[in-house]
Amino acid sequence: MSKRDELIVKYAADLKDKIGETPDMDLLTKVTIGCGPSIYNADASTVSASDASELATVKNNFLIKKLGLSDSPELDKAIEEVMEQYGKSNRNKYRAVVYYLLTKKFNKQSIY
C-alpha cells in the first residue's frame, strides 16, 4: 500500500469516527490527490481552526480558486461549520478531510 493510500484510509477513518459520515471513497481519493504534496508534510497536512491566516488560505486557495466560488460571508460561515463539525477540540484536522467536507457542502463534486 502506498503512503497516499495509507493516508486516504486514515482520512476515511477520521470521517467515520469523528464526523460519523461514511465517506465517498472516490471523491475522498480525488480530493486527497488534489492536495498534492502537502499531505506528506506534518504542518501542511492539517488545518488550524484557530489560525485566521490558515482559514483565509482555505477560503482563498480552495473555495475561491479551486472550487470557483465567489468571495462572500457564506464562505467563512461554511468553513466555521466544517470546523465545528470536525470538532473544535480535535487538534488534527486533516486538510484533505476539511476540503472533502467543503466540496460536499457546496455540492462541487463535479470539479473532481
PDB file of N, CA and C in Angstrom:
ATOM      1  N   MET A   1       0.846  -1.181   0.000  1.00  0.00           N
ATOM      2  CA  MET A   1       0.000   0.000   0.000  1.00  0.00           C
ATOM      3  C   MET A   1       0.892   1.245   0.000  1.00  0.00           C
ATOM      4  N   SER A   2       0.596   2.179  -0.878  1.00  0.00           N
ATOM      5  CA  SER A   2       1.415   3.388  -0.962  1.00  0.00           C
ATOM      6  C   SER A   2       1.117   4.308   0.222  1.00  0.00           C
ATOM      7  N   LYS A   3       2.009   5.249   0.433  1.00  0.00           N
ATOM      8  CA  LYS A   3       1.839   6.216   1.523  1.00  0.00           C
ATOM      9  C   LYS A   3       0.521   6.993   1.336  1.00  0.00           C
ATOM     10  N   ARG A   4       0.234   7.383   0.086  1.00  0.00           N
ATOM     11  CA  ARG A   4      -1.003   8.120  -0.182  1.00  0.00           C
ATOM     12  C   ARG A   4      -2.223   7.267   0.160  1.00  0.00           C
ATOM     13  N   ASP A   5      -2.201   5.978  -0.225  1.00  0.00           N
ATOM     14  CA  ASP A   5      -3.322   5.084   0.091  1.00  0.00           C
ATOM     15  C   ASP A   5      -3.514   4.945   1.601  1.00  0.00           C
ATOM     16  N   GLU A   6      -2.400   4.892   2.340  1.00  0.00           N
ATOM     17  CA  GLU A   6      -2.477   4.800   3.796  1.00  0.00           C
ATOM     18  C   GLU A   6      -3.139   6.050   4.379  1.00  0.00           C
ATOM     19  N   LEU A   7      -2.772   7.218   3.818  1.00  0.00           N
ATOM     20  CA  LEU A   7      -3.358   8.468   4.295  1.00  0.00           C
ATOM     21  C   LEU A   7      -4.851   8.530   3.984  1.00  0.00           C
ATOM     22  N   ILE A   8      -5.245   8.066   2.798  1.00  0.00           N
ATOM     23  CA  ILE A   8      -6.662   8.065   2.422  1.00  0.00           C
ATOM     24  C   ILE A   8      -7.459   7.198   3.390  1.00  0.00           C
ATOM     25  N   VAL A   9      -6.910   6.059   3.773  1.00  0.00           N
ATOM     26  CA  VAL A   9      -7.572   5.177   4.751  1.00  0.00           C
ATOM     27  C   VAL A   9      -7.704   5.902   6.097  1.00  0.00           C
ATOM     28  N   LYS A  10      -6.645   6.629   6.478  1.00  0.00           N
ATOM     29  CA  LYS A  10      -6.670   7.381   7.733  1.00  0.00           C
ATOM     30  C   LYS A  10      -7.730   8.492   7.678  1.00  0.00           C
ATOM     31  N   TYR A  11      -7.827   9.187   6.541  1.00  0.00           N
ATOM     32  CA  TYR A  11      -8.819  10.253   6.385  1.00  0.00           C
ATOM     33  C   TYR A  11     -10.237   9.673   6.429  1.00  0.00           C
ATOM     34  N   ALA A  12     -10.426   8.521   5.799  1.00  0.00           N
ATOM     35  CA  ALA A  12     -11.736   7.869   5.796  1.00  0.00           C
ATOM     36  C   ALA A  12     -12.138   7.492   7.224  1.00  0.00           C
ATOM     37  N   ALA A  13     -11.169   7.002   8.002  1.00  0.00           N
ATOM     38  CA  ALA A  13     -11.440   6.652   9.397  1.00  0.00           C
ATOM     39  C   ALA A  13     -11.812   7.894  10.199  1.00  0.00           C
ATOM     40  N   ASP A  14     -11.144   9.010   9.917  1.00  0.00           N
ATOM     41  CA  ASP A  14     -11.459  10.278  10.583  1.00  0.00           C
ATOM     42  C   ASP A  14     -12.902  10.700  10.286  1.00  0.00           C
ATOM     43  N   LEU A  15     -13.294  10.590   9.031  1.00  0.00           N
ATOM     44  CA  LEU A  15     -14.662  10.953   8.646  1.00  0.00           C
ATOM     45  C   LEU A  15     -15.679  10.078   9.375  1.00  0.00           C
ATOM     46  N   LYS A  16     -15.360   8.787   9.479  1.00  0.00           N
ATOM     47  CA  LYS A  16     -16.272   7.844  10.133  1.00  0.00           C
ATOM     48  C   LYS A  16     -16.330   8.079  11.639  1.00  0.00           C
ATOM     49  N   ASP A  17     -15.148   8.163  12.272  1.00  0.00           N
ATOM     50  CA  ASP A  17     -15.066   8.225  13.729  1.00  0.00           C
ATOM     51  C   ASP A  17     -15.413   9.593  14.300  1.00  0.00           C
ATOM     52  N   LYS A  18     -14.918  10.661  13.684  1.00  0.00           N
ATOM     53  CA  LYS A  18     -15.083  11.992  14.270  1.00  0.00           C
ATOM     54  C   LYS A  18     -16.309  12.736  13.751  1.00  0.00           C
ATOM     55  N   ILE A  19     -16.773  12.374  12.559  1.00  0.00           N
ATOM     56  CA  ILE A  19     -17.894  13.098  11.969  1.00  0.00           C
ATOM     57  C   ILE A  19     -19.122  12.197  11.836  1.00  0.00           C
ATOM     58  N   GLY A  20     -18.889  10.890  11.857  1.00  0.00           N
ATOM     59  CA  GLY A  20     -19.998   9.957  11.755  1.00  0.00           C
ATOM     60  C   GLY A  20     -20.547   9.850  10.348  1.00  0.00           C
ATOM     61  N   GLU A  21     -19.690  10.070   9.370  1.00  0.00           N
ATOM     62  CA  GLU A  21     -20.110  10.033   7.971  1.00  0.00           C
ATOM     63  C   GLU A  21     -19.331   8.948   7.228  1.00  0.00           C
ATOM     64  N   THR A  22     -20.044   8.159   6.453  1.00  0.00           N
ATOM     65  CA  THR A  22     -19.371   7.174   5.610  1.00  0.00           C
ATOM     66  C   THR A  22     -18.900   7.911   4.358  1.00  0.00           C
ATOM     67  N   PRO A  23     -17.585   7.954   4.135  1.00  0.00           N
ATOM     68  CA  PRO A  23     -17.076   8.765   3.028  1.00  0.00           C
ATOM     69  C   PRO A  23     -17.305   8.153   1.648  1.00  0.00           C
ATOM     70  N   ASP A  24     -17.415   9.037   0.680  1.00  0.00           N
ATOM     71  CA  ASP A  24     -17.417   8.658  -0.731  1.00  0.00           C
ATOM     72  C   ASP A  24     -15.938   8.493  -1.072  1.00  0.00           C
ATOM     73  N   MET A  25     -15.481   7.248  -1.109  1.00  0.00           N
ATOM     74  CA  MET A  25     -14.045   6.979  -1.252  1.00  0.00           C
ATOM     75  C   MET A  25     -13.470   7.527  -2.558  1.00  0.00           C
ATOM     76  N   ASP A  26     -14.263   7.508  -3.612  1.00  0.00           N
ATOM     77  CA  ASP A  26     -13.798   8.035  -4.892  1.00  0.00           C
ATOM     78  C   ASP A  26     -13.520   9.535  -4.775  1.00  0.00           C
ATOM     79  N   LEU A  27     -14.464  10.268  -4.185  1.00  0.00           N
ATOM     80  CA  LEU A  27     -14.289  11.711  -4.004  1.00  0.00           C
ATOM     81  C   LEU A  27     -13.145  12.006  -3.036  1.00  0.00           C
ATOM     82  N   LEU A  28     -13.080  11.270  -1.931  1.00  0.00           N
ATOM     83  CA  LEU A  28     -12.013  11.474  -0.949  1.00  0.00           C
ATOM     84  C   LEU A  28     -10.648  11.259  -1.591  1.00  0.00           C
ATOM     85  N   THR A  29     -10.533  10.247  -2.414  1.00  0.00           N
ATOM     86  CA  THR A  29      -9.265   9.965  -3.113  1.00  0.00           C
ATOM     87  C   THR A  29      -8.903  11.127  -4.030  1.00  0.00           C
ATOM     88  N   LYS A  30      -9.871  11.618  -4.785  1.00  0.00           N
ATOM     89  CA  LYS A  30      -9.607  12.716  -5.722  1.00  0.00           C
ATOM     90  C   LYS A  30      -9.240  14.004  -4.986  1.00  0.00           C
ATOM     91  N   VAL A  31      -9.925  14.287  -3.878  1.00  0.00           N
ATOM     92  CA  VAL A  31      -9.607  15.485  -3.090  1.00  0.00           C
ATOM     93  C   VAL A  31      -8.198  15.356  -2.514  1.00  0.00           C
ATOM     94  N   THR A  32      -7.859  14.170  -2.016  1.00  0.00           N
ATOM     95  CA  THR A  32      -6.532  13.942  -1.450  1.00  0.00           C
ATOM     96  C   THR A  32      -5.451  14.142  -2.507  1.00  0.00           C
ATOM     97  N   ILE A  33      -5.663  13.592  -3.688  1.00  0.00           N
ATOM     98  CA  ILE A  33      -4.709  13.768  -4.787  1.00  0.00           C
ATOM     99  C   ILE A  33      -4.590  15.261  -5.128  1.00  0.00           C
ATOM    100  N   GLY A  34      -5.719  15.959  -5.092  1.00  0.00           N
ATOM    101  CA  GLY A  34      -5.731  17.393  -5.383  1.00  0.00           C
ATOM    102  C   GLY A  34      -4.948  18.229  -4.386  1.00  0.00           C
ATOM    103  N   CYS A  35      -4.756  17.711  -3.185  1.00  0.00           N
ATOM    104  CA  CYS A  35      -3.975  18.434  -2.171  1.00  0.00           C
ATOM    105  C   CYS A  35      -2.484  18.412  -2.496  1.00  0.00           C
ATOM    106  N   GLY A  36      -2.090  17.501  -3.377  1.00  0.00           N
ATOM    107  CA  GLY A  36      -0.689  17.432  -3.785  1.00  0.00           C
ATOM    108  C   GLY A  36       0.232  16.998  -2.665  1.00  0.00           C
ATOM    109  N   PRO A  37       1.478  17.456  -2.722  1.00  0.00           N
ATOM    110  CA  PRO A  37       2.476  17.002  -1.744  1.00  0.00           C
ATOM    111  C   PRO A  37       2.236  17.495  -0.320  1.00  0.00           C
ATOM    112  N   SER A  38       1.303  18.426  -0.136  1.00  0.00           N
ATOM    113  CA  SER A  38       1.068  18.952   1.221  1.00  0.00           C
ATOM    114  C   SER A  38       0.630  17.863   2.195  1.00  0.00           C
ATOM    115  N   ILE A  39       0.025  16.783   1.689  1.00  0.00           N
ATOM    116  CA  ILE A  39      -0.457  15.728   2.593  1.00  0.00           C
ATOM    117  C   ILE A  39       0.683  14.982   3.286  1.00  0.00           C
ATOM    118  N   TYR A  40       1.904  15.098   2.732  1.00  0.00           N
ATOM    119  CA  TYR A  40       3.048  14.395   3.316  1.00  0.00           C
ATOM    120  C   TYR A  40       3.805  15.253   4.332  1.00  0.00           C
ATOM    121  N   ASN A  41       3.451  16.525   4.437  1.00  0.00           N
ATOM    122  CA  ASN A  41       4.116  17.434   5.361  1.00  0.00           C
ATOM    123  C   ASN A  41       3.255  17.563   6.614  1.00  0.00           C
ATOM    124  N   ALA A  42       3.845  17.298   7.764  1.00  0.00           N
ATOM    125  CA  ALA A  42       3.078  17.284   9.016  1.00  0.00           C
ATOM    126  C   ALA A  42       2.335  18.591   9.257  1.00  0.00           C
ATOM    127  N   ASP A  43       2.966  19.729   9.002  1.00  0.00           N
ATOM    128  CA  ASP A  43       2.312  21.016   9.250  1.00  0.00           C
ATOM    129  C   ASP A  43       1.281  21.333   8.167  1.00  0.00           C
ATOM    130  N   ALA A  44       1.629  21.144   6.922  1.00  0.00           N
ATOM    131  CA  ALA A  44       0.742  21.497   5.806  1.00  0.00           C
ATOM    132  C   ALA A  44      -0.446  20.549   5.673  1.00  0.00           C
ATOM    133  N   SER A  45      -0.335  19.351   6.215  1.00  0.00           N
ATOM    134  CA  SER A  45      -1.415  18.367   6.044  1.00  0.00           C
ATOM    135  C   SER A  45      -2.604  18.626   6.963  1.00  0.00           C
ATOM    136  N   THR A  46      -2.442  19.542   7.917  1.00  0.00           N
ATOM    137  CA  THR A  46      -3.537  19.846   8.834  1.00  0.00           C
ATOM    138  C   THR A  46      -3.953  21.309   8.715  1.00  0.00           C
ATOM    139  N   VAL A  47      -5.154  21.605   9.184  1.00  0.00           N
ATOM    140  CA  VAL A  47      -5.689  22.968   9.174  1.00  0.00           C
ATOM    141  C   VAL A  47      -5.914  23.382  10.622  1.00  0.00           C
ATOM    142  N   SER A  48      -5.385  24.535  10.992  1.00  0.00           N
ATOM    143  CA  SER A  48      -5.587  25.058  12.338  1.00  0.00           C
ATOM    144  C   SER A  48      -6.830  25.934  12.350  1.00  0.00           C
ATOM    145  N   ALA A  49      -7.833  25.508  13.099  1.00  0.00           N
ATOM    146  CA  ALA A  49      -9.107  26.242  13.143  1.00  0.00           C
ATOM    147  C   ALA A  49      -8.967  27.568  13.878  1.00  0.00           C
ATOM    148  N   SER A  50      -7.911  27.715  14.683  1.00  0.00           N
ATOM    149  CA  SER A  50      -7.751  28.941  15.466  1.00  0.00           C
ATOM    150  C   SER A  50      -6.835  29.955  14.784  1.00  0.00           C
ATOM    151  N   ASP A  51      -6.259  29.593  13.647  1.00  0.00           N
ATOM    152  CA  ASP A  51      -5.337  30.477  12.935  1.00  0.00           C
ATOM    153  C   ASP A  51      -6.071  31.175  11.776  1.00  0.00           C
ATOM    154  N   ALA A  52      -6.292  32.475  11.926  1.00  0.00           N
ATOM    155  CA  ALA A  52      -7.050  33.228  10.922  1.00  0.00           C
ATOM    156  C   ALA A  52      -6.403  33.176   9.542  1.00  0.00           C
ATOM    157  N   SER A  53      -5.068  33.221   9.492  1.00  0.00           N
ATOM    158  CA  SER A  53      -4.403  33.195   8.180  1.00  0.00           C
ATOM    159  C   SER A  53      -4.555  31.827   7.519  1.00  0.00           C
ATOM    160  N   GLU A  54      -4.596  30.793   8.325  1.00  0.00           N
ATOM    161  CA  GLU A  54      -4.801  29.432   7.808  1.00  0.00           C
ATOM    162  C   GLU A  54      -6.198  29.294   7.202  1.00  0.00           C
ATOM    163  N   LEU A  55      -7.187  29.843   7.897  1.00  0.00           N
ATOM    164  CA  LEU A  55      -8.563  29.784   7.407  1.00  0.00           C
ATOM    165  C   LEU A  55      -8.729  30.644   6.150  1.00  0.00           C
ATOM    166  N   ALA A  56      -7.987  31.740   6.077  1.00  0.00           N
ATOM    167  CA  ALA A  56      -8.018  32.586   4.879  1.00  0.00           C
ATOM    168  C   ALA A  56      -7.426  31.827   3.690  1.00  0.00           C
ATOM    169  N   THR A  57      -6.402  31.021   3.951  1.00  0.00           N
ATOM    170  CA  THR A  57      -5.793  30.204   2.894  1.00  0.00           C
ATOM    171  C   THR A  57      -6.800  29.185   2.367  1.00  0.00           C
ATOM    172  N   VAL A  58      -7.522  28.543   3.267  1.00  0.00           N
ATOM    173  CA  VAL A  58      -8.546  27.573   2.864  1.00  0.00           C
ATOM    174  C   VAL A  58      -9.581  28.278   1.984  1.00  0.00           C
ATOM    175  N   LYS A  59     -10.007  29.459   2.424  1.00  0.00           N
ATOM    176  CA  LYS A  59     -11.028  30.202   1.683  1.00  0.00           C
ATOM    177  C   LYS A  59     -10.508  30.632   0.307  1.00  0.00           C
ATOM    178  N   ASN A  60      -9.339  31.280   0.276  1.00  0.00           N
ATOM    179  CA  ASN A  60      -8.825  31.833  -0.983  1.00  0.00           C
ATOM    180  C   ASN A  60      -8.314  30.773  -1.947  1.00  0.00           C
ATOM    181  N   ASN A  61      -7.486  29.865  -1.453  1.00  0.00           N
ATOM    182  CA  ASN A  61      -6.859  28.890  -2.347  1.00  0.00           C
ATOM    183  C   ASN A  61      -7.754  27.716  -2.708  1.00  0.00           C
ATOM    184  N   PHE A  62      -8.663  27.355  -1.802  1.00  0.00           N
ATOM    185  CA  PHE A  62      -9.508  26.206  -2.106  1.00  0.00           C
ATOM    186  C   PHE A  62     -10.902  26.621  -2.576  1.00  0.00           C
ATOM    187  N   LEU A  63     -11.631  27.329  -1.738  1.00  0.00           N
ATOM    188  CA  LEU A  63     -13.015  27.654  -2.088  1.00  0.00           C
ATOM    189  C   LEU A  63     -13.114  28.584  -3.299  1.00  0.00           C
ATOM    190  N   ILE A  64     -12.257  29.600  -3.344  1.00  0.00           N
ATOM    191  CA  ILE A  64     -12.358  30.576  -4.436  1.00  0.00           C
ATOM    192  C   ILE A  64     -11.616  30.107  -5.683  1.00  0.00           C
ATOM    193  N   LYS A  65     -10.339  29.720  -5.510  1.00  0.00           N
ATOM    194  CA  LYS A  65      -9.547  29.329  -6.698  1.00  0.00           C
ATOM    195  C   LYS A  65      -9.907  27.942  -7.226  1.00  0.00           C
ATOM    196  N   LYS A  66      -9.979  26.956  -6.352  1.00  0.00           N
ATOM    197  CA  LYS A  66     -10.216  25.575  -6.797  1.00  0.00           C
ATOM    198  C   LYS A  66     -11.689  25.315  -7.134  1.00  0.00           C
ATOM    199  N   LEU A  67     -12.573  25.681  -6.209  1.00  0.00           N
ATOM    200  CA  LEU A  67     -13.997  25.395  -6.433  1.00  0.00           C
ATOM    201  C   LEU A  67     -14.702  26.483  -7.245  1.00  0.00           C
ATOM    202  N   GLY A  68     -14.033  27.623  -7.430  1.00  0.00           N
ATOM    203  CA  GLY A  68     -14.601  28.681  -8.263  1.00  0.00           C
ATOM    204  C   GLY A  68     -15.767  29.428  -7.632  1.00  0.00           C
ATOM    205  N   LEU A  69     -15.793  29.474  -6.295  1.00  0.00           N
ATOM    206  CA  LEU A  69     -16.872  30.181  -5.608  1.00  0.00           C
ATOM    207  C   LEU A  69     -16.545  31.668  -5.489  1.00  0.00           C
ATOM    208  N   SER A  70     -17.569  32.495  -5.373  1.00  0.00           N
ATOM    209  CA  SER A  70     -17.371  33.934  -5.195  1.00  0.00           C
ATOM    210  C   SER A  70     -17.160  34.232  -3.713  1.00  0.00           C
ATOM    211  N   ASP A  71     -16.254  35.180  -3.444  1.00  0.00           N
ATOM    212  CA  ASP A  71     -15.971  35.569  -2.063  1.00  0.00           C
ATOM    213  C   ASP A  71     -17.236  36.166  -1.438  1.00  0.00           C
ATOM    214  N   SER A  72     -17.623  35.601  -0.297  1.00  0.00           N
ATOM    215  CA  SER A  72     -18.789  36.117   0.415  1.00  0.00           C
ATOM    216  C   SER A  72     -18.721  35.644   1.863  1.00  0.00           C
ATOM    217  N   PRO A  73     -19.501  36.261   2.741  1.00  0.00           N
ATOM    218  CA  PRO A  73     -19.526  35.824   4.145  1.00  0.00           C
ATOM    219  C   PRO A  73     -19.969  34.360   4.277  1.00  0.00           C
ATOM    220  N   GLU A  74     -20.693  33.881   3.279  1.00  0.00           N
ATOM    221  CA  GLU A  74     -21.154  32.489   3.285  1.00  0.00           C
ATOM    222  C   GLU A  74     -19.971  31.513   3.327  1.00  0.00           C
ATOM    223  N   LEU A  75     -18.854  31.879   2.681  1.00  0.00           N
ATOM    224  CA  LEU A  75     -17.673  31.002   2.673  1.00  0.00           C
ATOM    225  C   LEU A  75     -17.094  30.878   4.077  1.00  0.00           C
ATOM    226  N   ASP A  76     -16.971  32.007   4.777  1.00  0.00           N
ATOM    227  CA  ASP A  76     -16.456  31.977   6.152  1.00  0.00           C
ATOM    228  C   ASP A  76     -17.375  31.156   7.053  1.00  0.00           C
ATOM    229  N   LYS A  77     -18.670  31.318   6.846  1.00  0.00           N
ATOM    230  CA  LYS A  77     -19.657  30.582   7.639  1.00  0.00           C
ATOM    231  C   LYS A  77     -19.518  29.073   7.384  1.00  0.00           C
ATOM    232  N   ALA A  78     -19.318  28.692   6.131  1.00  0.00           N
ATOM    233  CA  ALA A  78     -19.168  27.275   5.777  1.00  0.00           C
ATOM    234  C   ALA A  78     -17.911  26.689   6.410  1.00  0.00           C
ATOM    235  N   ILE A  79     -16.814  27.449   6.366  1.00  0.00           N
ATOM    236  CA  ILE A  79     -15.562  26.975   6.983  1.00  0.00           C
ATOM    237  C   ILE A  79     -15.790  26.777   8.479  1.00  0.00           C
ATOM    238  N   GLU A  80     -16.434  27.739   9.117  1.00  0.00           N
ATOM    239  CA  GLU A  80     -16.733  27.657  10.551  1.00  0.00           C
ATOM    240  C   GLU A  80     -17.581  26.420  10.851  1.00  0.00           C
ATOM    241  N   GLU A  81     -18.592  26.164  10.024  1.00  0.00           N
ATOM    242  CA  GLU A  81     -19.456  24.994  10.233  1.00  0.00           C
ATOM    243  C   GLU A  81     -18.680  23.688  10.095  1.00  0.00           C
ATOM    244  N   VAL A  82     -17.790  23.626   9.104  1.00  0.00           N
ATOM    245  CA  VAL A  82     -16.992  22.411   8.911  1.00  0.00           C
ATOM    246  C   VAL A  82     -16.048  22.207  10.098  1.00  0.00           C
ATOM    247  N   MET A  83     -15.449  23.288  10.597  1.00  0.00           N
ATOM    248  CA  MET A  83     -14.552  23.177  11.761  1.00  0.00           C
ATOM    249  C   MET A  83     -15.329  22.702  12.986  1.00  0.00           C
ATOM    250  N   GLU A  84     -16.543  23.205  13.126  1.00  0.00           N
ATOM    251  CA  GLU A  84     -17.413  22.790  14.238  1.00  0.00           C
ATOM    252  C   GLU A  84     -17.778  21.317  14.087  1.00  0.00           C
ATOM    253  N   GLN A  85     -18.119  20.927  12.866  1.00  0.00           N
ATOM    254  CA  GLN A  85     -18.498  19.541  12.574  1.00  0.00           C
ATOM    255  C   GLN A  85     -17.338  18.590  12.859  1.00  0.00           C
ATOM    256  N   TYR A  86     -16.127  19.023  12.505  1.00  0.00           N
ATOM    257  CA  TYR A  86     -14.926  18.203  12.696  1.00  0.00           C
ATOM    258  C   TYR A  86     -14.575  18.115  14.177  1.00  0.00           C
ATOM    259  N   GLY A  87     -14.997  19.102  14.957  1.00  0.00           N
ATOM    260  CA  GLY A  87     -14.739  19.112  16.397  1.00  0.00           C
ATOM    261  C   GLY A  87     -13.691  20.138  16.752  1.00  0.00           C
ATOM    262  N   LYS A  88     -14.111  21.210  17.426  1.00  0.00           N
ATOM    263  CA  LYS A  88     -13.178  22.283  17.811  1.00  0.00           C
ATOM    264  C   LYS A  88     -12.029  21.743  18.654  1.00  0.00           C
ATOM    265  N   SER A  89     -12.316  20.762  19.505  1.00  0.00           N
ATOM    266  CA  SER A  89     -11.275  20.238  20.395  1.00  0.00           C
ATOM    267  C   SER A  89     -10.314  19.288  19.680  1.00  0.00           C
ATOM    268  N   ASN A  90     -10.686  18.847  18.505  1.00  0.00           N
ATOM    269  CA  ASN A  90      -9.837  17.942  17.734  1.00  0.00           C
ATOM    270  C   ASN A  90      -8.679  18.730  17.134  1.00  0.00           C
ATOM    271  N   ARG A  91      -7.474  18.442  17.594  1.00  0.00           N
ATOM    272  CA  ARG A  91      -6.307  19.216  17.147  1.00  0.00           C
ATOM    273  C   ARG A  91      -5.898  18.896  15.717  1.00  0.00           C
ATOM    274  N   ASN A  92      -6.032  17.643  15.311  1.00  0.00           N
ATOM    275  CA  ASN A  92      -5.603  17.251  13.971  1.00  0.00           C
ATOM    276  C   ASN A  92      -6.763  17.249  12.990  1.00  0.00           C
ATOM    277  N   LYS A  93      -6.959  18.378  12.363  1.00  0.00           N
ATOM    278  CA  LYS A  93      -7.989  18.474  11.318  1.00  0.00           C
ATOM    279  C   LYS A  93      -7.253  18.350   9.991  1.00  0.00           C
ATOM    280  N   TYR A  94      -7.376  17.196   9.373  1.00  0.00           N
ATOM    281  CA  TYR A  94      -6.644  16.962   8.133  1.00  0.00           C
ATOM    282  C   TYR A  94      -7.190  17.815   6.996  1.00  0.00           C
ATOM    283  N   ARG A  95      -6.279  18.436   6.263  1.00  0.00           N
ATOM    284  CA  ARG A  95      -6.640  19.319   5.152  1.00  0.00           C
ATOM    285  C   ARG A  95      -7.531  18.597   4.140  1.00  0.00           C
ATOM    286  N   ALA A  96      -7.178  17.364   3.788  1.00  0.00           N
ATOM    287  CA  ALA A  96      -7.958  16.617   2.799  1.00  0.00           C
ATOM    288  C   ALA A  96      -9.389  16.389   3.288  1.00  0.00           C
ATOM    289  N   VAL A  97      -9.564  16.146   4.581  1.00  0.00           N
ATOM    290  CA  VAL A  97     -10.904  15.931   5.137  1.00  0.00           C
ATOM    291  C   VAL A  97     -11.697  17.236   5.130  1.00  0.00           C
ATOM    292  N   VAL A  98     -11.039  18.331   5.511  1.00  0.00           N
ATOM    293  CA  VAL A  98     -11.706  19.648   5.505  1.00  0.00           C
ATOM    294  C   VAL A  98     -12.134  19.990   4.077  1.00  0.00           C
ATOM    295  N   TYR A  99     -11.247  19.786   3.109  1.00  0.00           N
ATOM    296  CA  TYR A  99     -11.569  20.087   1.709  1.00  0.00           C
ATOM    297  C   TYR A  99     -12.689  19.180   1.196  1.00  0.00           C
ATOM    298  N   TYR A 100     -12.652  17.915   1.611  1.00  0.00           N
ATOM    299  CA  TYR A 100     -13.707  16.965   1.222  1.00  0.00           C
ATOM    300  C   TYR A 100     -15.064  17.463   1.732  1.00  0.00           C
ATOM    301  N   LEU A 101     -15.114  17.848   3.001  1.00  0.00           N
ATOM    302  CA  LEU A 101     -16.364  18.312   3.604  1.00  0.00           C
ATOM    303  C   LEU A 101     -16.864  19.590   2.937  1.00  0.00           C
ATOM    304  N   LEU A 102     -15.943  20.509   2.627  1.00  0.00           N
ATOM    305  CA  LEU A 102     -16.332  21.752   1.961  1.00  0.00           C
ATOM    306  C   LEU A 102     -16.831  21.481   0.540  1.00  0.00           C
ATOM    307  N   THR A 103     -16.182  20.545  -0.142  1.00  0.00           N
ATOM    308  CA  THR A 103     -16.609  20.180  -1.500  1.00  0.00           C
ATOM    309  C   THR A 103     -18.045  19.665  -1.468  1.00  0.00           C
ATOM    310  N   LYS A 104     -18.339  18.802  -0.492  1.00  0.00           N
ATOM    311  CA  LYS A 104     -19.696  18.261  -0.374  1.00  0.00           C
ATOM    312  C   LYS A 104     -20.688  19.343   0.051  1.00  0.00           C
ATOM    313  N   LYS A 105     -20.275  20.209   0.967  1.00  0.00           N
ATOM    314  CA  LYS A 105     -21.156  21.276   1.471  1.00  0.00           C
ATOM    315  C   LYS A 105     -21.636  22.176   0.331  1.00  0.00           C
ATOM    316  N   PHE A 106     -20.724  22.491  -0.591  1.00  0.00           N
ATOM    317  CA  PHE A 106     -21.085  23.367  -1.715  1.00  0.00           C
ATOM    318  C   PHE A 106     -21.514  22.583  -2.955  1.00  0.00           C
ATOM    319  N   ASN A 107     -21.625  21.251  -2.812  1.00  0.00           N
ATOM    320  CA  ASN A 107     -22.066  20.393  -3.901  1.00  0.00           C
ATOM    321  C   ASN A 107     -21.223  20.587  -5.163  1.00  0.00           C
ATOM    322  N   LYS A 108     -19.890  20.586  -4.972  1.00  0.00           N
ATOM    323  CA  LYS A 108     -18.960  20.822  -6.088  1.00  0.00           C
ATOM    324  C   LYS A 108     -18.181  19.567  -6.453  1.00  0.00           C
ATOM    325  N   GLN A 109     -18.769  18.389  -6.213  1.00  0.00           N
ATOM    326  CA  GLN A 109     -18.085  17.139  -6.509  1.00  0.00           C
ATOM    327  C   GLN A 109     -17.707  17.056  -7.989  1.00  0.00           C
ATOM    328  N   SER A 110     -18.456  17.738  -8.845  1.00  0.00           N
ATOM    329  CA  SER A 110     -18.205  17.660 -10.294  1.00  0.00           C
ATOM    330  C   SER A 110     -16.836  18.244 -10.665  1.00  0.00           C
ATOM    331  N   ILE A 111     -16.263  19.077  -9.795  1.00  0.00           N
ATOM    332  CA  ILE A 111     -14.935  19.645 -10.079  1.00  0.00           C
ATOM    333  C   ILE A 111     -13.896  18.537 -10.100  1.00  0.00           C
ATOM    334  N   TYR A 112     -14.134  17.510  -9.319  1.00  0.00           N
ATOM    335  CA  TYR A 112     -13.200  16.387  -9.273  1.00  0.00           C
ATOM    336  C   TYR A 112     -13.676  15.303 -10.226  1.00  0.00           C
TER     337      TYR A 112
END
